Amino acid sequence: MKLAVFVNEYREPAILDRLKADKFGIILVQNGVYHATVKKDGQTSPVLSKDAEFYVLSEDLQSRGFGDGDVDSKVKVINYEGLVDLIFNDFEKFIWL
């Protein structure tokens, strides 16, 4: 199964550790974009330590004052068109957390 999870808050959802998939993606949207940009005590967000492909929505980054250069190198910046491509081409199931 190919599973993608939308993370829309700046907290670590405990359920992420229990999700298993052949292909696992984490899509950071709304306030979830802070996982891709903010470092606490020099460390990246624990969310980015998961075994997954990471994406962040560029429009949500920009609305919070961040740019592509502020994003951790593990995370791919996508726009709405890229999000639609992920939904229709890369993943079968989605969860919103």
Protein backbone atom coordinates (compact mmCIF):
# COMPACT_ATOMS: atom_id res chain seq x y z
CA MET A 1 0.00 0.00 0.00
CA LYS A 2 1.12 3.56 -0.75
CA LEU A 3 0.07 5.84 2.10
CA ALA A 4 0.43 9.58 2.52
CA VAL A 5 -0.30 11.53 5.68
CA PHE A 6 -1.23 15.21 5.75
CA VAL A 7 0.21 16.86 8.87
CA ASN A 8 -1.36 20.25 9.51
CA GLU A 9 -0.22 21.09 13.06
CA TYR A 10 3.14 21.79 14.65
CA ARG A 11 3.05 18.87 17.03
CA GLU A 12 4.24 15.34 16.48
CA PRO A 13 1.25 13.07 15.87
CA ALA A 14 1.88 9.91 17.94
CA ILE A 15 0.16 7.77 15.35
CA LEU A 16 2.98 8.30 12.82
CA ASP A 17 5.07 5.60 14.52
CA ARG A 18 2.28 3.05 14.11
CA LEU A 19 1.60 3.58 10.42
CA LYS A 20 3.20 1.11 8.02
CA ALA A 21 3.18 1.15 4.24
CA ASP A 22 5.25 0.00 1.28
CA LYS A 23 5.59 3.66 0.33
CA PHE A 24 5.03 6.27 3.03
CA GLY A 25 4.78 10.01 2.49
CA ILE A 26 4.30 12.91 4.87
CA ILE A 27 2.80 16.07 3.37
CA LEU A 28 3.25 19.15 5.55
CA VAL A 29 0.46 21.71 5.15
CA GLN A 30 -0.91 24.68 7.09
CA ASN A 31 0.97 24.95 10.44
CA GLY A 32 2.59 21.58 9.74
CA VAL A 33 5.10 23.44 7.54
CA TYR A 34 6.95 24.43 10.72
CA HIS A 35 8.27 20.84 10.90
CA ALA A 36 10.20 21.57 7.69
CA THR A 37 11.58 24.95 8.75
CA VAL A 38 11.97 25.35 12.51
CA LYS A 39 14.86 23.92 14.51
CA LYS A 40 14.61 23.59 18.26
CA ASP A 41 17.96 23.57 20.08
CA GLY A 42 19.67 23.03 16.72
CA GLN A 43 17.69 19.85 16.03
CA THR A 44 15.16 19.27 13.28
CA SER A 45 11.63 18.18 14.03
CA PRO A 46 11.23 14.56 15.16
CA VAL A 47 8.71 14.18 12.34
CA LEU A 48 11.59 14.40 9.85
CA SER A 49 13.25 11.35 11.44
CA LYS A 50 10.49 9.06 10.17
CA ASP A 51 11.18 6.66 7.31
CA ALA A 52 9.16 8.56 4.72
CA GLU A 53 9.23 10.89 1.75
CA PHE A 54 8.56 14.46 2.88
CA TYR A 55 6.72 17.21 1.03
CA VAL A 56 5.74 20.74 2.02
CA LEU A 57 3.20 22.96 0.32
CA SER A 58 4.87 26.13 -0.99
CA GLU A 59 1.77 28.30 -0.63
CA ASP A 60 1.56 27.47 3.08
CA LEU A 61 5.28 28.20 3.50
CA GLN A 62 4.92 31.61 1.86
CA SER A 63 1.86 32.57 3.88
CA ARG A 64 3.94 32.00 7.04
CA GLY A 65 6.89 34.06 5.81
CA PHE A 66 9.17 31.21 4.71
CA GLY A 67 10.76 30.47 1.37
CA ASP A 68 12.18 27.38 -0.29
CA GLY A 69 15.61 28.14 1.19
CA ASP A 70 14.25 27.82 4.72
CA VAL A 71 13.22 24.19 4.21
CA ASP A 72 15.20 21.20 5.49
CA SER A 73 16.97 19.32 2.69
CA LYS A 74 14.92 16.16 3.38
CA VAL A 75 11.74 17.93 2.35
CA LYS A 76 10.60 18.55 -1.22
CA VAL A 77 8.73 21.81 -1.79
CA ILE A 78 5.62 21.33 -3.96
CA ASN A 79 2.83 23.59 -5.17
CA TYR A 80 -0.85 22.70 -5.57
CA GLU A 81 -0.16 21.17 -8.98
CA GLY A 82 2.51 18.95 -7.43
CA LEU A 83 0.09 17.97 -4.68
CA VAL A 84 -2.48 16.89 -7.24
CA ASP A 85 0.21 14.81 -8.97
CA LEU A 86 1.00 13.08 -5.67
CA ILE A 87 -2.66 12.36 -5.03
CA PHE A 88 -3.34 10.89 -8.46
CA ASN A 89 0.03 9.29 -9.30
CA ASP A 90 2.06 8.43 -6.21
CA PHE A 91 -0.20 7.38 -3.34
CA GLU A 92 -3.31 5.21 -2.95
CA LYS A 93 -4.57 6.20 0.49
CA PHE A 94 -4.45 9.41 2.52
CA ILE A 95 -4.89 10.33 6.17
CA TRP A 96 -5.33 13.83 7.55
CA LEU A 97 -3.82 14.39 11.02
